[in-house]
Amino acid sequence: MSSDEPTPEALRAQIEHTRDELGRTVEALAAKADVKAQAREKTAAVKAQAAEKAAHVTGQIRDRAEHAAHLASEKTHAATARDNRTTALVAVTGAALLVFLLVRQVRQVRHTRGPK
């Protein structure tokens, strides 16, 4: 054997390396040809993306609903306070009117009876 010729061990190693490369190439080609597996992977990716988007939108809706509830609560409290002030004002005005009418009635009765 000359020094340019590979040894049997080197040839075996080269053959083993070539077989490994060929096996990986065949697996890659089989994966590309497996349309069902590609469709399942794509479907899983789309489902995951849709779930993520749904969770995001749900969070936004929840935040907006909480904000709207807070605003409604603030407006309700303001309206209740305003209604309470209005009710108190009406009650005071009614009481004052009642006192005025009673005083007027008493004066009229005293006036028609005359002095005693």
C-alpha atoms as a PDB file:
ATOM      1  CA  MET A   1       0.000   0.000   0.000  1.00  0.00           C
ATOM      2  CA  SER A   2       1.154   3.428  -0.812  1.00  0.00           C
ATOM      3  CA  SER A   3       0.936   6.362   1.516  1.00  0.00           C
ATOM      4  CA  ASP A   4      -1.793   7.963  -0.684  1.00  0.00           C
ATOM      5  CA  GLU A   5      -4.178   5.042  -0.182  1.00  0.00           C
ATOM      6  CA  PRO A   6      -6.413   5.178   2.914  1.00  0.00           C
ATOM      7  CA  THR A   7      -6.214   2.420   5.467  1.00  0.00           C
ATOM      8  CA  PRO A   8      -9.102  -0.022   5.917  1.00  0.00           C
ATOM      9  CA  GLU A   9     -10.006   1.668   9.237  1.00  0.00           C
ATOM     10  CA  ALA A  10     -10.124   5.082   7.548  1.00  0.00           C
ATOM     11  CA  LEU A  11     -12.333   3.676   4.795  1.00  0.00           C
ATOM     12  CA  ARG A  12     -14.699   2.158   7.385  1.00  0.00           C
ATOM     13  CA  ALA A  13     -14.888   5.477   9.235  1.00  0.00           C
ATOM     14  CA  GLN A  14     -15.576   7.331   5.982  1.00  0.00           C
ATOM     15  CA  ILE A  15     -18.301   4.824   5.046  1.00  0.00           C
ATOM     16  CA  GLU A  16     -19.904   5.159   8.518  1.00  0.00           C
ATOM     17  CA  HIS A  17     -19.815   8.959   8.248  1.00  0.00           C
ATOM     18  CA  THR A  18     -21.410   8.825   4.774  1.00  0.00           C
ATOM     19  CA  ARG A  19     -24.153   6.479   6.059  1.00  0.00           C
ATOM     20  CA  ASP A  20     -24.937   8.877   8.912  1.00  0.00           C
ATOM     21  CA  GLU A  21     -25.192  11.815   6.514  1.00  0.00           C
ATOM     22  CA  LEU A  22     -27.362   9.796   4.133  1.00  0.00           C
ATOM     23  CA  GLY A  23     -29.656   8.777   7.026  1.00  0.00           C
ATOM     24  CA  ARG A  24     -30.110  12.390   8.115  1.00  0.00           C
ATOM     25  CA  THR A  25     -30.785  13.445   4.519  1.00  0.00           C
ATOM     26  CA  VAL A  26     -33.415  10.714   4.067  1.00  0.00           C
ATOM     27  CA  GLU A  27     -35.100  11.736   7.355  1.00  0.00           C
ATOM     28  CA  ALA A  28     -35.189  15.373   6.261  1.00  0.00           C
ATOM     29  CA  LEU A  29     -36.692  14.456   2.889  1.00  0.00           C
ATOM     30  CA  ALA A  30     -39.276  12.202   4.559  1.00  0.00           C
ATOM     31  CA  ALA A  31     -40.260  15.019   6.902  1.00  0.00           C
ATOM     32  CA  LYS A  32     -40.704  17.396   3.955  1.00  0.00           C
ATOM     33  CA  ALA A  33     -42.823  14.826   2.159  1.00  0.00           C
ATOM     34  CA  ASP A  34     -45.037  14.139   5.220  1.00  0.00           C
ATOM     35  CA  VAL A  35     -47.850  16.602   4.449  1.00  0.00           C
ATOM     36  CA  LYS A  36     -50.069  15.340   7.282  1.00  0.00           C
ATOM     37  CA  ALA A  37     -47.360  15.993   9.865  1.00  0.00           C
ATOM     38  CA  GLN A  38     -46.756  19.456   8.429  1.00  0.00           C
ATOM     39  CA  ALA A  39     -50.488  20.168   8.556  1.00  0.00           C
ATOM     40  CA  ARG A  40     -50.657  19.007  12.203  1.00  0.00           C
ATOM     41  CA  GLU A  41     -47.695  21.222  13.103  1.00  0.00           C
ATOM     42  CA  LYS A  42     -49.235  24.197  11.332  1.00  0.00           C
ATOM     43  CA  THR A  43     -52.604  23.543  13.001  1.00  0.00           C
ATOM     44  CA  ALA A  44     -50.963  23.349  16.418  1.00  0.00           C
ATOM     45  CA  ALA A  45     -49.097  26.599  15.770  1.00  0.00           C
ATOM     46  CA  VAL A  46     -52.280  28.381  14.627  1.00  0.00           C
ATOM     47  CA  LYS A  47     -54.209  27.065  17.653  1.00  0.00           C
ATOM     48  CA  ALA A  48     -51.494  28.290  20.002  1.00  0.00           C
ATOM     49  CA  GLN A  49     -51.454  31.684  18.304  1.00  0.00           C
ATOM     50  CA  ALA A  50     -55.264  31.925  18.465  1.00  0.00           C
ATOM     51  CA  ALA A  51     -55.271  30.974  22.161  1.00  0.00           C
ATOM     52  CA  GLU A  52     -52.635  33.600  22.883  1.00  0.00           C
ATOM     53  CA  LYS A  53     -54.587  36.247  20.976  1.00  0.00           C
ATOM     54  CA  ALA A  54     -57.835  35.239  22.721  1.00  0.00           C
ATOM     55  CA  ALA A  55     -56.169  35.530  26.119  1.00  0.00           C
ATOM     56  CA  HIS A  56     -54.820  38.957  25.183  1.00  0.00           C
ATOM     57  CA  VAL A  57     -58.200  40.204  23.923  1.00  0.00           C
ATOM     58  CA  THR A  58     -59.965  38.733  26.968  1.00  0.00           C
ATOM     59  CA  GLY A  59     -57.578  40.652  29.203  1.00  0.00           C
ATOM     60  CA  GLN A  60     -58.244  43.861  27.307  1.00  0.00           C
ATOM     61  CA  ILE A  61     -62.016  43.339  27.530  1.00  0.00           C
ATOM     62  CA  ARG A  62     -61.755  42.628  31.257  1.00  0.00           C
ATOM     63  CA  ASP A  63     -59.693  45.790  31.781  1.00  0.00           C
ATOM     64  CA  ARG A  64     -62.154  47.905  29.815  1.00  0.00           C
ATOM     65  CA  ALA A  65     -65.137  46.401  31.646  1.00  0.00           C
ATOM     66  CA  GLU A  66     -63.509  47.142  35.005  1.00  0.00           C
ATOM     67  CA  HIS A  67     -62.812  50.703  33.872  1.00  0.00           C
ATOM     68  CA  ALA A  68     -66.416  51.147  32.700  1.00  0.00           C
ATOM     69  CA  ALA A  69     -67.720  49.731  35.991  1.00  0.00           C
ATOM     70  CA  HIS A  70     -65.487  52.132  37.899  1.00  0.00           C
ATOM     71  CA  LEU A  71     -66.756  55.096  35.869  1.00  0.00           C
ATOM     72  CA  ALA A  72     -70.361  53.988  36.339  1.00  0.00           C
ATOM     73  CA  SER A  73     -69.787  53.655  40.081  1.00  0.00           C
ATOM     74  CA  GLU A  74     -68.315  57.146  40.251  1.00  0.00           C
ATOM     75  CA  LYS A  75     -71.241  58.601  38.319  1.00  0.00           C
ATOM     76  CA  THR A  76     -73.744  56.694  40.490  1.00  0.00           C
ATOM     77  CA  HIS A  77     -72.143  58.039  43.658  1.00  0.00           C
ATOM     78  CA  ALA A  78     -72.218  61.573  42.270  1.00  0.00           C
ATOM     79  CA  ALA A  79     -75.866  61.227  41.221  1.00  0.00           C
ATOM     80  CA  THR A  80     -76.797  59.750  44.608  1.00  0.00           C
ATOM     81  CA  ALA A  81     -75.101  62.625  46.423  1.00  0.00           C
ATOM     82  CA  ARG A  82     -76.875  65.108  44.165  1.00  0.00           C
ATOM     83  CA  ASP A  83     -80.215  63.343  44.749  1.00  0.00           C
ATOM     84  CA  ASN A  84     -79.615  63.376  48.510  1.00  0.00           C
ATOM     85  CA  ARG A  85     -78.967  67.129  48.426  1.00  0.00           C
ATOM     86  CA  THR A  86     -82.084  67.674  46.312  1.00  0.00           C
ATOM     87  CA  THR A  87     -84.201  65.558  48.658  1.00  0.00           C
ATOM     88  CA  ALA A  88     -82.904  67.472  51.682  1.00  0.00           C
ATOM     89  CA  LEU A  89     -83.595  70.786  49.989  1.00  0.00           C
ATOM     90  CA  VAL A  90     -87.151  69.737  49.128  1.00  0.00           C
ATOM     91  CA  ALA A  91     -87.709  68.513  52.685  1.00  0.00           C
ATOM     92  CA  VAL A  92     -86.418  71.767  54.205  1.00  0.00           C
ATOM     93  CA  THR A  93     -88.457  73.837  51.764  1.00  0.00           C
ATOM     94  CA  GLY A  94     -91.561  71.767  52.528  1.00  0.00           C
ATOM     95  CA  ALA A  95     -91.032  72.123  56.265  1.00  0.00           C
ATOM     96  CA  ALA A  96     -90.546  75.873  55.907  1.00  0.00           C
ATOM     97  CA  LEU A  97     -93.709  76.120  53.823  1.00  0.00           C
ATOM     98  CA  LEU A  98     -95.629  74.085  56.390  1.00  0.00           C
ATOM     99  CA  VAL A  99     -94.414  76.347  59.220  1.00  0.00           C
ATOM    100  CA  PHE A 100     -95.324  79.425  57.162  1.00  0.00           C
ATOM    101  CA  LEU A 101     -98.823  78.086  56.481  1.00  0.00           C
ATOM    102  CA  LEU A 102     -99.352  77.118  60.129  1.00  0.00           C
ATOM    103  CA  VAL A 103     -98.227  80.549  61.334  1.00  0.00           C
ATOM    104  CA  ARG A 104    -100.494  82.198  58.781  1.00  0.00           C
ATOM    105  CA  GLN A 105    -103.426  80.006  59.800  1.00  0.00           C
ATOM    106  CA  VAL A 106    -102.876  80.787  63.464  1.00  0.00           C
ATOM    107  CA  ARG A 107    -102.749  84.514  62.702  1.00  0.00           C
ATOM    108  CA  GLN A 108    -105.922  84.310  60.652  1.00  0.00           C
ATOM    109  CA  VAL A 109    -107.735  82.475  63.426  1.00  0.00           C
ATOM    110  CA  ARG A 110    -106.539  85.002  65.986  1.00  0.00           C
ATOM    111  CA  HIS A 111    -107.474  87.863  63.696  1.00  0.00           C
ATOM    112  CA  THR A 112    -111.034  86.581  63.042  1.00  0.00           C
ATOM    113  CA  ARG A 113    -111.708  85.862  66.747  1.00  0.00           C
ATOM    114  CA  GLY A 114    -110.536  89.199  67.721  1.00  0.00           C
ATOM    115  CA  PRO A 115    -108.823  90.187  70.913  1.00  0.00           C
ATOM    116  CA  LYS A 116    -110.081  88.603  74.108  1.00  0.00           C
END
